[in-house]
């Protein structure tokens, strides 16, 4: 598919997990796959990891403007201004410089009868505390 659609010849290399991690840490690759899930419900959970000195940034990519935008966003108390700074940073990351290529994301699916169960709310970390979930019409016990 890569050759047909992009004109790029790719040879896959299967390695042991520790070899894969070492290759990423030492930037010993042309293209690598990686994944990340949200640690908390904020865009920063995905954007902060690409700052120049973040240990999770195993791309070798550094951009001082990006770093400054993230620093400014994390100090900003005005949510609209903060969101604008994060959008600017994300634009550098996935449009202007493109050190990463997001090609898919995991989707959690929760099946339940909304007329019988309450306390389950969609969120980026897909966490649903059992103490908040209960049947409609039945009050949870205070354990």
Foldseek 3Di string as FASTA:
>chain_A
DCCVPPVDDDDDDDDDPVVLVVCLQVVVDPDDDDDDAAPDFDCCSVLVCCACPRSNNSQNDHDPLLNVLSVVLVVDPPVVVSVVSVVVSVCCDPPVPPSDHDDDDDDDDDDDDPQFKDQQDDGRNRDGDPQRIDTPPDDDDDD
